[in-house]
Every structure is written in C-alpha cells, then in structure tokens.
PDB file of N, CA and C in Angstrom:
ATOM      1  N   UNK A   1     112.074  78.946 150.257  1.00  0.00           N
ATOM      2  CA  UNK A   1     112.237  80.421 150.265  1.00  0.00           C
ATOM      3  C   UNK A   1     111.393  81.800 150.704  1.00  0.00           C
ATOM      4  N   UNK A   2     111.910  82.990 150.203  1.00  0.00           N
ATOM      5  CA  UNK A   2     112.113  83.962 151.196  1.00  0.00           C
ATOM      6  C   UNK A   2     110.677  84.726 151.271  1.00  0.00           C
ATOM      7  N   UNK A   3     110.612  85.782 152.197  1.00  0.00           N
ATOM      8  CA  UNK A   3     109.086  86.372 151.628  1.00  0.00           C
ATOM      9  C   UNK A   3     109.558  87.168 150.762  1.00  0.00           C
ATOM     10  N   UNK A   4     110.515  88.054 150.416  1.00  0.00           N
ATOM     11  CA  UNK A   4     110.426  88.160 149.193  1.00  0.00           C
ATOM     12  C   UNK A   4     110.113  87.434 147.769  1.00  0.00           C
ATOM     13  N   UNK A   5     110.269  86.228 147.328  1.00  0.00           N
ATOM     14  CA  UNK A   5     110.225  85.316 146.912  1.00  0.00           C
ATOM     15  C   UNK A   5     108.294  85.737 146.764  1.00  0.00           C
ATOM     16  N   UNK A   6     107.474  84.896 147.961  1.00  0.00           N
ATOM     17  CA  UNK A   6     106.817  84.502 148.520  1.00  0.00           C
ATOM     18  C   UNK A   6     105.952  85.180 147.830  1.00  0.00           C
ATOM     19  N   UNK A   7     106.539  86.910 148.164  1.00  0.00           N
ATOM     20  CA  UNK A   7     105.141  87.862 147.329  1.00  0.00           C
ATOM     21  C   UNK A   7     105.479  88.233 146.129  1.00  0.00           C
ATOM     22  N   UNK A   8     106.544  87.852 145.663  1.00  0.00           N
ATOM     23  CA  UNK A   8     105.907  88.093 144.271  1.00  0.00           C
ATOM     24  C   UNK A   8     105.417  86.804 143.643  1.00  0.00           C
ATOM     25  N   UNK A   9     105.664  85.620 143.802  1.00  0.00           N
ATOM     26  CA  UNK A   9     104.595  84.574 143.734  1.00  0.00           C
ATOM     27  C   UNK A   9     103.353  85.043 143.619  1.00  0.00           C
ATOM     28  N   UNK A  10     103.070  86.124 144.782  1.00  0.00           N
ATOM     29  CA  UNK A  10     101.827  86.200 145.178  1.00  0.00           C
ATOM     30  C   UNK A  10     101.341  86.519 143.632  1.00  0.00           C
ATOM     31  N   UNK A  11     101.986  87.837 144.034  1.00  0.00           N
ATOM     32  CA  UNK A  11     101.892  88.708 143.088  1.00  0.00           C
ATOM     33  C   UNK A  11     101.769  88.276 141.368  1.00  0.00           C
ATOM     34  N   UNK A  12     102.413  87.423 141.176  1.00  0.00           N
ATOM     35  CA  UNK A  12     102.673  86.958 139.500  1.00  0.00           C
ATOM     36  C   UNK A  12     100.937  86.604 138.726  1.00  0.00           C
ATOM     37  N   UNK A  13     100.792  85.402 140.357  1.00  0.00           N
ATOM     38  CA  UNK A  13      99.215  84.582 140.478  1.00  0.00           C
ATOM     39  C   UNK A  13      97.855  85.811 140.424  1.00  0.00           C
ATOM     40  N   UNK A  14      98.218  86.692 141.100  1.00  0.00           N
ATOM     41  CA  UNK A  14      97.462  87.490 141.363  1.00  0.00           C
ATOM     42  C   UNK A  14      97.054  88.330 140.257  1.00  0.00           C
ATOM     43  N   UNK A  15      98.261  88.956 139.088  1.00  0.00           N
ATOM     44  CA  UNK A  15      98.599  89.704 138.137  1.00  0.00           C
ATOM     45  C   UNK A  15      97.481  88.426 136.693  1.00  0.00           C
ATOM     46  N   UNK A  16      98.613  87.450 136.866  1.00  0.00           N
ATOM     47  CA  UNK A  16      97.626  86.528 135.897  1.00  0.00           C
ATOM     48  C   UNK A  16      96.586  86.384 136.207  1.00  0.00           C
ATOM     49  N   UNK A  17      95.825  86.005 136.948  1.00  0.00           N
ATOM     50  CA  UNK A  17      94.599  85.699 137.134  1.00  0.00           C
ATOM     51  C   UNK A  17      93.697  87.078 136.745  1.00  0.00           C
ATOM     52  N   UNK A  18      94.283  87.939 136.858  1.00  0.00           N
ATOM     53  CA  UNK A  18      93.372  89.059 136.331  1.00  0.00           C
ATOM     54  C   UNK A  18      93.084  89.823 135.052  1.00  0.00           C
ATOM     55  N   UNK A  19      94.429  89.577 134.884  1.00  0.00           N
ATOM     56  CA  UNK A  19      95.126  90.536 133.551  1.00  0.00           C
ATOM     57  C   UNK A  19      94.286  89.841 132.580  1.00  0.00           C
ATOM     58  N   UNK A  20      93.753  88.784 132.301  1.00  0.00           N
ATOM     59  CA  UNK A  20      93.035  88.239 131.749  1.00  0.00           C
ATOM     60  C   UNK A  20      93.506  88.223 129.933  1.00  0.00           C
ATOM     61  N   UNK A  21      92.806  88.499 128.662  1.00  0.00           N
ATOM     62  CA  UNK A  21      93.178  88.177 127.254  1.00  0.00           C
ATOM     63  C   UNK A  21      94.461  89.771 127.414  1.00  0.00           C
ATOM     64  N   UNK A  22      95.318  89.894 128.364  1.00  0.00           N
ATOM     65  CA  UNK A  22      96.474  91.174 127.999  1.00  0.00           C
ATOM     66  C   UNK A  22      97.699  90.687 128.916  1.00  0.00           C
ATOM     67  N   UNK A  23      97.728  89.329 128.632  1.00  0.00           N
ATOM     68  CA  UNK A  23      99.194  89.114 129.765  1.00  0.00           C
ATOM     69  C   UNK A  23     100.647  90.044 129.553  1.00  0.00           C
ATOM     70  N   UNK A  24     100.683  90.858 128.006  1.00  0.00           N
ATOM     71  CA  UNK A  24     102.001  91.785 128.176  1.00  0.00           C
ATOM     72  C   UNK A  24     101.092  92.680 129.651  1.00  0.00           C
ATOM     73  N   UNK A  25     100.243  93.932 129.574  1.00  0.00           N
ATOM     74  CA  UNK A  25      99.734  93.817 131.188  1.00  0.00           C
ATOM     75  C   UNK A  25     100.161  93.556 132.356  1.00  0.00           C
ATOM     76  N   UNK A  26      99.834  92.873 132.289  1.00  0.00           N
ATOM     77  CA  UNK A  26      99.758  91.375 133.890  1.00  0.00           C
ATOM     78  C   UNK A  26     101.011  91.900 133.640  1.00  0.00           C
ATOM     79  N   UNK A  27     102.105  91.059 132.884  1.00  0.00           N
ATOM     80  CA  UNK A  27     103.697  90.857 133.531  1.00  0.00           C
ATOM     81  C   UNK A  27     104.117  92.759 133.586  1.00  0.00           C
ATOM     82  N   UNK A  28     103.609  94.030 133.316  1.00  0.00           N
ATOM     83  CA  UNK A  28     103.915  95.252 133.512  1.00  0.00           C
ATOM     84  C   UNK A  28     103.128  95.964 134.823  1.00  0.00           C
ATOM     85  N   UNK A  29     102.423  95.068 135.087  1.00  0.00           N
ATOM     86  CA  UNK A  29     101.335  95.091 136.764  1.00  0.00           C
ATOM     87  C   UNK A  29     102.158  94.421 137.679  1.00  0.00           C
ATOM     88  N   UNK A  30     102.603  93.377 137.062  1.00  0.00           N
ATOM     89  CA  UNK A  30     103.870  92.849 138.072  1.00  0.00           C
ATOM     90  C   UNK A  30     105.120  93.583 138.325  1.00  0.00           C
ATOM     91  N   UNK A  31     105.531  93.982 137.290  1.00  0.00           N
ATOM     92  CA  UNK A  31     107.259  94.576 137.551  1.00  0.00           C
ATOM     93  C   UNK A  31     106.745  95.705 138.649  1.00  0.00           C
ATOM     94  N   UNK A  32     105.694  96.576 138.144  1.00  0.00           N
ATOM     95  CA  UNK A  32     105.001  98.259 139.277  1.00  0.00           C
ATOM     96  C   UNK A  32     104.843  97.354 140.553  1.00  0.00           C
ATOM     97  N   UNK A  33     104.284  96.478 140.738  1.00  0.00           N
ATOM     98  CA  UNK A  33     104.085  95.806 142.243  1.00  0.00           C
ATOM     99  C   UNK A  33     104.855  94.916 142.984  1.00  0.00           C
ATOM    100  N   UNK A  34     105.774  94.344 142.489  1.00  0.00           N
ATOM    101  CA  UNK A  34     107.167  93.629 143.004  1.00  0.00           C
ATOM    102  C   UNK A  34     108.555  94.181 142.372  1.00  0.00           C
ATOM    103  N   UNK A  35     108.628  94.808 141.239  1.00  0.00           N
ATOM    104  CA  UNK A  35     109.832  94.688 141.068  1.00  0.00           C
ATOM    105  C   UNK A  35     110.617  96.307 141.243  1.00  0.00           C
ATOM    106  N   UNK A  36     109.562  97.545 140.808  1.00  0.00           N
ATOM    107  CA  UNK A  36     109.915  98.668 140.963  1.00  0.00           C
ATOM    108  C   UNK A  36     110.484  99.369 142.536  1.00  0.00           C
ATOM    109  N   UNK A  37     111.165 100.219 142.816  1.00  0.00           N
ATOM    110  CA  UNK A  37     111.168 100.444 143.961  1.00  0.00           C
ATOM    111  C   UNK A  37     110.296 100.741 144.793  1.00  0.00           C
ATOM    112  N   UNK A  38     110.545  99.840 146.144  1.00  0.00           N
ATOM    113  CA  UNK A  38     109.512  99.781 146.866  1.00  0.00           C
ATOM    114  C   UNK A  38     108.723  99.088 146.958  1.00  0.00           C
ATOM    115  N   UNK A  39     108.166  98.435 145.702  1.00  0.00           N
ATOM    116  CA  UNK A  39     107.198  97.383 145.532  1.00  0.00           C
ATOM    117  C   UNK A  39     105.459  98.148 146.239  1.00  0.00           C
ATOM    118  N   UNK A  40     104.909  97.153 145.840  1.00  0.00           N
ATOM    119  CA  UNK A  40     103.701  97.843 146.282  1.00  0.00           C
ATOM    120  C   UNK A  40     103.184  98.932 146.759  1.00  0.00           C
ATOM    121  N   UNK A  41     104.112  98.731 147.435  1.00  0.00           N
ATOM    122  CA  UNK A  41     104.413 100.340 149.010  1.00  0.00           C
ATOM    123  C   UNK A  41     104.161 101.783 148.530  1.00  0.00           C
ATOM    124  N   UNK A  42     105.541 101.650 147.479  1.00  0.00           N
ATOM    125  CA  UNK A  42     105.055 102.568 146.867  1.00  0.00           C
ATOM    126  C   UNK A  42     104.273 102.568 145.934  1.00  0.00           C
ATOM    127  N   UNK A  43     103.893 101.905 145.256  1.00  0.00           N
ATOM    128  CA  UNK A  43     102.704 101.507 144.491  1.00  0.00           C
ATOM    129  C   UNK A  43     101.345 102.956 144.548  1.00  0.00           C
ATOM    130  N   UNK A  44     101.017 102.031 146.093  1.00  0.00           N
ATOM    131  CA  UNK A  44     100.465 102.818 147.693  1.00  0.00           C
ATOM    132  C   UNK A  44     100.573 104.521 147.500  1.00  0.00           C
ATOM    133  N   UNK A  45     101.697 104.190 147.462  1.00  0.00           N
ATOM    134  CA  UNK A  45     102.444 105.655 147.937  1.00  0.00           C
ATOM    135  C   UNK A  45     102.194 106.288 146.801  1.00  0.00           C
ATOM    136  N   UNK A  46     102.546 105.895 145.792  1.00  0.00           N
ATOM    137  CA  UNK A  46     102.033 107.740 144.617  1.00  0.00           C
ATOM    138  C   UNK A  46     101.006 107.495 144.121  1.00  0.00           C
ATOM    139  N   UNK A  47     100.183 106.985 144.905  1.00  0.00           N
ATOM    140  CA  UNK A  47      98.142 106.628 144.584  1.00  0.00           C
ATOM    141  C   UNK A  47      98.046 107.711 145.572  1.00  0.00           C
ATOM    142  N   UNK A  48      98.896 108.069 146.746  1.00  0.00           N
ATOM    143  CA  UNK A  48      97.934 108.526 148.213  1.00  0.00           C
ATOM    144  C   UNK A  48      98.686 109.887 147.493  1.00  0.00           C
ATOM    145  N   UNK A  49     100.383 110.146 146.523  1.00  0.00           N
ATOM    146  CA  UNK A  49     100.785 111.473 146.402  1.00  0.00           C
ATOM    147  C   UNK A  49     100.233 111.986 145.597  1.00  0.00           C
ATOM    148  N   UNK A  50      99.496 112.007 144.657  1.00  0.00           N
ATOM    149  CA  UNK A  50      98.745 112.059 143.605  1.00  0.00           C
ATOM    150  C   UNK A  50      97.105 112.590 144.166  1.00  0.00           C
ATOM    151  N   UNK A  51      97.009 112.822 145.318  1.00  0.00           N
ATOM    152  CA  UNK A  51      95.030 112.997 145.634  1.00  0.00           C
ATOM    153  C   UNK A  51      94.330 111.674 145.832  1.00  0.00           C
ATOM    154  N   UNK A  52      94.670 110.284 145.254  1.00  0.00           N
ATOM    155  CA  UNK A  52      93.887 109.132 145.564  1.00  0.00           C
ATOM    156  C   UNK A  52      93.853 108.518 146.762  1.00  0.00           C
ATOM    157  N   UNK A  53      94.339 108.833 147.444  1.00  0.00           N
ATOM    158  CA  UNK A  53      94.921 107.975 148.735  1.00  0.00           C
ATOM    159  C   UNK A  53      93.527 107.187 149.696  1.00  0.00           C
ATOM    160  N   UNK A  54      92.339 108.037 149.423  1.00  0.00           N
ATOM    161  CA  UNK A  54      91.088 107.137 149.591  1.00  0.00           C
ATOM    162  C   UNK A  54      90.341 105.659 148.832  1.00  0.00           C
ATOM    163  N   UNK A  55      90.613 106.368 147.575  1.00  0.00           N
ATOM    164  CA  UNK A  55      90.840 105.328 147.042  1.00  0.00           C
ATOM    165  C   UNK A  55      91.232 104.113 146.889  1.00  0.00           C
ATOM    166  N   UNK A  56      93.136 104.440 146.713  1.00  0.00           N
ATOM    167  CA  UNK A  56      94.091 102.863 147.022  1.00  0.00           C
ATOM    168  C   UNK A  56      93.828 102.233 148.899  1.00  0.00           C
ATOM    169  N   UNK A  57      93.213 103.319 149.230  1.00  0.00           N
ATOM    170  CA  UNK A  57      93.279 102.712 151.080  1.00  0.00           C
ATOM    171  C   UNK A  57      92.093 101.880 150.642  1.00  0.00           C
ATOM    172  N   UNK A  58      91.040 101.879 149.720  1.00  0.00           N
ATOM    173  CA  UNK A  58      89.574 100.824 149.785  1.00  0.00           C
ATOM    174  C   UNK A  58      90.207  99.653 149.308  1.00  0.00           C
ATOM    175  N   UNK A  59      91.825  99.391 148.474  1.00  0.00           N
ATOM    176  CA  UNK A  59      91.814  98.179 147.930  1.00  0.00           C
ATOM    177  C   UNK A  59      92.282  97.928 148.791  1.00  0.00           C
ATOM    178  N   UNK A  60      93.605  98.216 149.765  1.00  0.00           N
ATOM    179  CA  UNK A  60      94.292  97.785 150.726  1.00  0.00           C
ATOM    180  C   UNK A  60      93.009  97.048 151.986  1.00  0.00           C
ATOM    181  N   UNK A  61      92.002  97.748 152.423  1.00  0.00           N
ATOM    182  CA  UNK A  61      91.363  97.391 153.559  1.00  0.00           C
ATOM    183  C   UNK A  61      90.168  96.278 153.010  1.00  0.00           C
ATOM    184  N   UNK A  62      89.688  95.799 153.934  1.00  0.00           N
ATOM    185  CA  UNK A  62      89.006  94.664 153.574  1.00  0.00           C
ATOM    186  C   UNK A  62      87.900  95.144 153.537  1.00  0.00           C
ATOM    187  N   UNK A  63      87.241  95.772 153.125  1.00  0.00           N
ATOM    188  CA  UNK A  63      85.582  96.281 152.541  1.00  0.00           C
ATOM    189  C   UNK A  63      85.807  95.942 151.518  1.00  0.00           C
ATOM    190  N   UNK A  64      84.993  97.012 150.342  1.00  0.00           N
ATOM    191  CA  UNK A  64      84.676  97.018 149.183  1.00  0.00           C
ATOM    192  C   UNK A  64      85.868  97.706 148.999  1.00  0.00           C
ATOM    193  N   UNK A  65      86.005  97.625 147.521  1.00  0.00           N
ATOM    194  CA  UNK A  65      86.724  98.338 146.630  1.00  0.00           C
ATOM    195  C   UNK A  65      86.100  99.588 146.131  1.00  0.00           C
ATOM    196  N   UNK A  66      86.307 100.975 145.874  1.00  0.00           N
ATOM    197  CA  UNK A  66      86.342 102.433 145.231  1.00  0.00           C
ATOM    198  C   UNK A  66      86.411 102.299 143.983  1.00  0.00           C
ATOM    199  N   UNK A  67      85.747 101.978 143.116  1.00  0.00           N
ATOM    200  CA  UNK A  67      86.657 102.530 141.594  1.00  0.00           C
ATOM    201  C   UNK A  67      87.198 103.563 141.988  1.00  0.00           C
ATOM    202  N   UNK A  68      87.884 103.174 140.356  1.00  0.00           N
ATOM    203  CA  UNK A  68      89.003 104.134 140.136  1.00  0.00           C
ATOM    204  C   UNK A  68      88.793 104.538 137.769  1.00  0.00           C
ATOM    205  N   UNK A  69      88.773 105.325 137.917  1.00  0.00           N
ATOM    206  CA  UNK A  69      88.557 106.002 136.441  1.00  0.00           C
ATOM    207  C   UNK A  69      89.903 106.282 135.542  1.00  0.00           C
ATOM    208  N   UNK A  70      90.133 105.506 134.382  1.00  0.00           N
ATOM    209  CA  UNK A  70      91.360 105.470 133.924  1.00  0.00           C
ATOM    210  C   UNK A  70      91.736 107.255 134.206  1.00  0.00           C
ATOM    211  N   UNK A  71      90.940 108.195 133.383  1.00  0.00           N
ATOM    212  CA  UNK A  71      91.564 109.412 133.825  1.00  0.00           C
ATOM    213  C   UNK A  71      92.494 109.544 135.000  1.00  0.00           C
ATOM    214  N   UNK A  72      92.158 108.629 135.993  1.00  0.00           N
ATOM    215  CA  UNK A  72      92.810 108.799 138.007  1.00  0.00           C
ATOM    216  C   UNK A  72      93.777 107.693 137.637  1.00  0.00           C
ATOM    217  N   UNK A  73      94.056 106.930 136.906  1.00  0.00           N
ATOM    218  CA  UNK A  73      95.435 105.985 136.594  1.00  0.00           C
ATOM    219  C   UNK A  73      96.115 106.943 136.068  1.00  0.00           C
ATOM    220  N   UNK A  74      95.527 107.729 134.891  1.00  0.00           N
ATOM    221  CA  UNK A  74      96.705 108.092 134.200  1.00  0.00           C
ATOM    222  C   UNK A  74      97.454 109.913 135.478  1.00  0.00           C
ATOM    223  N   UNK A  75      96.893 110.385 136.181  1.00  0.00           N
ATOM    224  CA  UNK A  75      96.131 111.147 137.124  1.00  0.00           C
ATOM    225  C   UNK A  75      97.519 110.276 138.256  1.00  0.00           C
ATOM    226  N   UNK A  76      97.885 109.379 138.831  1.00  0.00           N
ATOM    227  CA  UNK A  76      98.071 108.843 139.851  1.00  0.00           C
ATOM    228  C   UNK A  76      99.476 108.314 139.262  1.00  0.00           C
ATOM    229  N   UNK A  77      99.473 107.577 137.971  1.00  0.00           N
ATOM    230  CA  UNK A  77     101.166 106.852 137.310  1.00  0.00           C
ATOM    231  C   UNK A  77     101.802 107.670 136.648  1.00  0.00           C
ATOM    232  N   UNK A  78     100.783 108.565 135.874  1.00  0.00           N
ATOM    233  CA  UNK A  78     101.632 109.323 135.113  1.00  0.00           C
ATOM    234  C   UNK A  78     101.269 108.967 133.790  1.00  0.00           C
ATOM    235  N   UNK A  79     101.014 110.475 133.030  1.00  0.00           N
ATOM    236  CA  UNK A  79     100.718 109.782 131.320  1.00  0.00           C
ATOM    237  C   UNK A  79     101.923 109.420 130.894  1.00  0.00           C
ATOM    238  N   UNK A  80     103.202 110.237 130.836  1.00  0.00           N
ATOM    239  CA  UNK A  80     103.609 109.443 130.610  1.00  0.00           C
ATOM    240  C   UNK A  80     104.848 107.844 131.208  1.00  0.00           C
ATOM    241  N   UNK A  81     103.999 107.785 132.406  1.00  0.00           N
ATOM    242  CA  UNK A  81     104.213 106.334 131.979  1.00  0.00           C
ATOM    243  C   UNK A  81     103.519 105.238 131.517  1.00  0.00           C
ATOM    244  N   UNK A  82     102.255 105.405 131.666  1.00  0.00           N
ATOM    245  CA  UNK A  82     100.814 104.839 131.022  1.00  0.00           C
ATOM    246  C   UNK A  82     101.264 104.759 129.564  1.00  0.00           C
ATOM    247  N   UNK A  83     102.001 105.708 128.857  1.00  0.00           N
ATOM    248  CA  UNK A  83     102.488 105.924 127.679  1.00  0.00           C
ATOM    249  C   UNK A  83     103.575 105.069 126.972  1.00  0.00           C
ATOM    250  N   UNK A  84     104.085 104.987 128.169  1.00  0.00           N
ATOM    251  CA  UNK A  84     105.725 103.852 128.814  1.00  0.00           C
ATOM    252  C   UNK A  84     105.388 102.720 127.904  1.00  0.00           C
ATOM    253  N   UNK A  85     104.277 102.565 128.678  1.00  0.00           N
ATOM    254  CA  UNK A  85     103.398 100.518 129.207  1.00  0.00           C
ATOM    255  C   UNK A  85     102.602 100.310 127.712  1.00  0.00           C
ATOM    256  N   UNK A  86     102.114 101.636 127.075  1.00  0.00           N
ATOM    257  CA  UNK A  86     101.188 101.418 126.003  1.00  0.00           C
ATOM    258  C   UNK A  86     102.333 101.184 124.907  1.00  0.00           C
ATOM    259  N   UNK A  87     103.382 101.400 124.817  1.00  0.00           N
ATOM    260  CA  UNK A  87     104.243 101.654 123.688  1.00  0.00           C
ATOM    261  C   UNK A  87     105.184 100.277 123.981  1.00  0.00           C
ATOM    262  N   UNK A  88     105.165  99.501 125.086  1.00  0.00           N
ATOM    263  CA  UNK A  88     106.111  98.646 125.619  1.00  0.00           C
ATOM    264  C   UNK A  88     105.299  96.931 124.429  1.00  0.00           C
ATOM    265  N   UNK A  89     103.593  97.000 125.154  1.00  0.00           N
ATOM    266  CA  UNK A  89     103.104  96.439 125.026  1.00  0.00           C
ATOM    267  C   UNK A  89     101.821  96.136 123.464  1.00  0.00           C
ATOM    268  N   UNK A  90     102.268  97.423 122.861  1.00  0.00           N
ATOM    269  CA  UNK A  90     101.592  98.023 121.884  1.00  0.00           C
ATOM    270  C   UNK A  90     100.181  98.006 122.017  1.00  0.00           C
ATOM    271  N   UNK A  91      99.549  98.753 122.914  1.00  0.00           N
ATOM    272  CA  UNK A  91      98.514  99.676 122.792  1.00  0.00           C
ATOM    273  C   UNK A  91      98.070 101.025 123.009  1.00  0.00           C
ATOM    274  N   UNK A  92      96.789 101.428 122.948  1.00  0.00           N
ATOM    275  CA  UNK A  92      96.420 102.648 122.935  1.00  0.00           C
ATOM    276  C   UNK A  92      97.009 103.262 124.138  1.00  0.00           C
ATOM    277  N   UNK A  93      97.132 103.931 124.798  1.00  0.00           N
ATOM    278  CA  UNK A  93      97.501 104.519 126.402  1.00  0.00           C
ATOM    279  C   UNK A  93      95.868 104.598 126.606  1.00  0.00           C
ATOM    280  N   UNK A  94      94.794 104.754 125.828  1.00  0.00           N
ATOM    281  CA  UNK A  94      93.650 105.191 126.989  1.00  0.00           C
ATOM    282  C   UNK A  94      93.382 103.623 127.346  1.00  0.00           C
ATOM    283  N   UNK A  95      93.698 102.658 126.096  1.00  0.00           N
ATOM    284  CA  UNK A  95      93.103 101.491 126.655  1.00  0.00           C
ATOM    285  C   UNK A  95      94.170 101.032 127.924  1.00  0.00           C
ATOM    286  N   UNK A  96      95.697 100.975 127.715  1.00  0.00           N
ATOM    287  CA  UNK A  96      95.643 100.699 128.459  1.00  0.00           C
ATOM    288  C   UNK A  96      95.388 100.967 130.107  1.00  0.00           C
ATOM    289  N   UNK A  97      94.512 102.607 130.547  1.00  0.00           N
ATOM    290  CA  UNK A  97      94.467 103.445 131.522  1.00  0.00           C
ATOM    291  C   UNK A  97      93.171 101.818 131.872  1.00  0.00           C
ATOM    292  N   UNK A  98      92.486 102.460 130.685  1.00  0.00           N
ATOM    293  CA  UNK A  98      90.962 101.385 130.834  1.00  0.00           C
ATOM    294  C   UNK A  98      91.025  99.949 131.943  1.00  0.00           C
ATOM    295  N   UNK A  99      92.212  99.743 131.091  1.00  0.00           N
ATOM    296  CA  UNK A  99      92.602  98.322 131.614  1.00  0.00           C
ATOM    297  C   UNK A  99      93.213  98.512 133.017  1.00  0.00           C
ATOM    298  N   UNK A 100      94.078  98.902 133.341  1.00  0.00           N
ATOM    299  CA  UNK A 100      94.075  99.191 134.617  1.00  0.00           C
ATOM    300  C   UNK A 100      93.586  99.700 135.750  1.00  0.00           C
ATOM    301  N   UNK A 101      91.952 100.588 135.357  1.00  0.00           N
ATOM    302  CA  UNK A 101      91.386 101.154 136.603  1.00  0.00           C
ATOM    303  C   UNK A 101      90.262  99.596 136.918  1.00  0.00           C
ATOM    304  N   UNK A 102      90.711  98.591 135.900  1.00  0.00           N
ATOM    305  CA  UNK A 102      89.823  97.480 136.478  1.00  0.00           C
ATOM    306  C   UNK A 102      90.988  96.203 136.857  1.00  0.00           C
ATOM    307  N   UNK A 103      91.700  96.091 136.675  1.00  0.00           N
ATOM    308  CA  UNK A 103      93.074  94.852 137.071  1.00  0.00           C
ATOM    309  C   UNK A 103      93.706  96.184 138.647  1.00  0.00           C
ATOM    310  N   UNK A 104      94.202  96.697 139.163  1.00  0.00           N
ATOM    311  CA  UNK A 104      94.820  97.231 139.081  1.00  0.00           C
ATOM    312  C   UNK A 104      94.462  97.544 140.929  1.00  0.00           C
ATOM    313  N   UNK A 105      92.827  97.574 141.077  1.00  0.00           N
ATOM    314  CA  UNK A 105      91.860  97.165 142.922  1.00  0.00           C
ATOM    315  C   UNK A 105      92.265  95.850 142.662  1.00  0.00           C
ATOM    316  N   UNK A 106      91.809  94.793 141.145  1.00  0.00           N
ATOM    317  CA  UNK A 106      91.797  93.919 142.106  1.00  0.00           C
ATOM    318  C   UNK A 106      92.853  93.361 142.800  1.00  0.00           C
ATOM    319  N   UNK A 107      94.018  93.712 142.166  1.00  0.00           N
ATOM    320  CA  UNK A 107      95.678  93.177 142.244  1.00  0.00           C
ATOM    321  C   UNK A 107      95.955  93.449 143.452  1.00  0.00           C
ATOM    322  N   UNK A 108      95.468  94.904 143.649  1.00  0.00           N
ATOM    323  CA  UNK A 108      95.740  95.164 145.336  1.00  0.00           C
ATOM    324  C   UNK A 108      95.197  94.636 146.436  1.00  0.00           C
ATOM    325  N   UNK A 109      94.002  94.379 146.196  1.00  0.00           N
ATOM    326  CA  UNK A 109      93.055  93.619 147.086  1.00  0.00           C
ATOM    327  C   UNK A 109      93.086  92.867 147.846  1.00  0.00           C
ATOM    328  N   UNK A 110      94.115  91.775 146.248  1.00  0.00           N
ATOM    329  CA  UNK A 110      94.366  90.116 146.327  1.00  0.00           C
ATOM    330  C   UNK A 110      95.506  90.466 147.525  1.00  0.00           C
ATOM    331  N   UNK A 111      96.290  91.074 147.083  1.00  0.00           N
ATOM    332  CA  UNK A 111      97.964  91.467 147.748  1.00  0.00           C
ATOM    333  C   UNK A 111      97.804  92.021 149.200  1.00  0.00           C
ATOM    334  N   UNK A 112      96.581  92.267 149.694  1.00  0.00           N
ATOM    335  CA  UNK A 112      96.318  92.412 150.796  1.00  0.00           C
ATOM    336  C   UNK A 112      95.104  92.235 152.073  1.00  0.00           C
ATOM    337  N   UNK A 113      94.987  91.293 151.823  1.00  0.00           N
ATOM    338  CA  UNK A 113      94.439  90.260 152.382  1.00  0.00           C
ATOM    339  C   UNK A 113      93.634  90.288 153.820  1.00  0.00           C
ATOM    340  N   UNK A 114      94.752  90.829 154.837  1.00  0.00           N
ATOM    341  CA  UNK A 114      94.452  91.026 155.483  1.00  0.00           C
ATOM    342  C   UNK A 114      94.665  92.981 155.530  1.00  0.00           C
ATOM    343  N   UNK A 115      94.300  93.376 155.237  1.00  0.00           N
ATOM    344  CA  UNK A 115      93.820  94.802 155.482  1.00  0.00           C
ATOM    345  C   UNK A 115      95.448  95.861 155.582  1.00  0.00           C
ATOM    346  N   UNK A 116      96.253  95.139 155.265  1.00  0.00           N
ATOM    347  CA  UNK A 116      97.848  95.705 155.412  1.00  0.00           C
ATOM    348  C   UNK A 116      98.615  95.398 154.121  1.00  0.00           C
ATOM    349  N   UNK A 117      99.815  96.302 154.220  1.00  0.00           N
ATOM    350  CA  UNK A 117     101.101  96.120 153.177  1.00  0.00           C
ATOM    351  C   UNK A 117     101.749  94.890 153.203  1.00  0.00           C
ATOM    352  N   UNK A 118     101.874  94.033 152.437  1.00  0.00           N
ATOM    353  CA  UNK A 118     102.950  93.361 152.491  1.00  0.00           C
ATOM    354  C   UNK A 118     104.431  94.349 152.640  1.00  0.00           C
ATOM    355  N   UNK A 119     105.459  93.892 153.872  1.00  0.00           N
ATOM    356  CA  UNK A 119     106.707  94.598 153.840  1.00  0.00           C
ATOM    357  C   UNK A 119     107.613  95.031 152.852  1.00  0.00           C
ATOM    358  N   UNK A 120     108.216  96.385 152.308  1.00  0.00           N
ATOM    359  CA  UNK A 120     108.630  96.452 151.292  1.00  0.00           C
ATOM    360  C   UNK A 120     110.000  96.123 151.008  1.00  0.00           C
ATOM    361  N   UNK A 121     110.051  95.641 149.502  1.00  0.00           N
ATOM    362  CA  UNK A 121     111.581  94.675 149.218  1.00  0.00           C
ATOM    363  C   UNK A 121     112.785  95.247 149.782  1.00  0.00           C
ATOM    364  N   UNK A 122     113.702  95.147 150.732  1.00  0.00           N
ATOM    365  CA  UNK A 122     114.533  95.536 150.609  1.00  0.00           C
ATOM    366  C   UNK A 122     115.474  96.235 150.391  1.00  0.00           C
ATOM    367  N   UNK A 123     115.892  97.640 149.972  1.00  0.00           N
ATOM    368  CA  UNK A 123     116.868  97.633 149.033  1.00  0.00           C
ATOM    369  C   UNK A 123     118.179  97.153 148.801  1.00  0.00           C
ATOM    370  N   UNK A 124     118.866  97.142 147.462  1.00  0.00           N
ATOM    371  CA  UNK A 124     119.970  96.093 147.255  1.00  0.00           C
ATOM    372  C   UNK A 124     121.103  96.944 147.712  1.00  0.00           C
TER     373      UNK A 124
END
C-alpha cells in the first residue's frame, strides 16, 4: 500500500469515527481531506486564506484545538460550498455548518498527530 492509499485509509477511518449519525457528511468530509486538489494541505490553506489560520493551525498542532463556529466554517469553505454539500446529503446548510464545526477540528487533529500536515497528494 502506497503512502497516498495509507493517508486515504486513515482519513476515512477518522471521518467514520467522528461523523457519527451523518455518514453522508462523513463522505463529504473525506472527499475534502483526501480527494480534493491538494488534499488536507489545501483545506488548511483555505482556512488560512480566509483569516482562520490560527484556528486551523491549532488543529494541526499537538496542543488543544481552538473551537470554530458554524459561521466561521461558512467563511472558510464558502457558503456556496456548504450549500452544495447540504443539497447532496439532504440537510439544512446551517446544520451542515454546525456539524462541520464539530467534526473538522477532530479530523484534522487526528490526521496530524505529530503536528505536521501529511504530504499533499501528487498531481496527476
């Protein structure tokens, strides 16, 4: 198994652990952290670019995770992205934002146990 496959498997396990009663949301998160362009690194950069760098860095680091609000999730990901996710899984966008504010910090923290981002997937 290659490094990329191992990272995908780890991300999927983390998502399943933290998504709880919303497995479809778990699938969406898994896509964000290991199937999107740049993977987890790109997701972290998106938070940084939208003024939430200190929050997302706390999730990556080995210290305590700073909380994030549903509104900040929409700020980081964009309300259109949240609406698209909500439409695909049949939930209200506000519910999706709230769930993501709880789940994403745990997943990013879980996928960065040494306080460092894994290598970004290579472009094809």
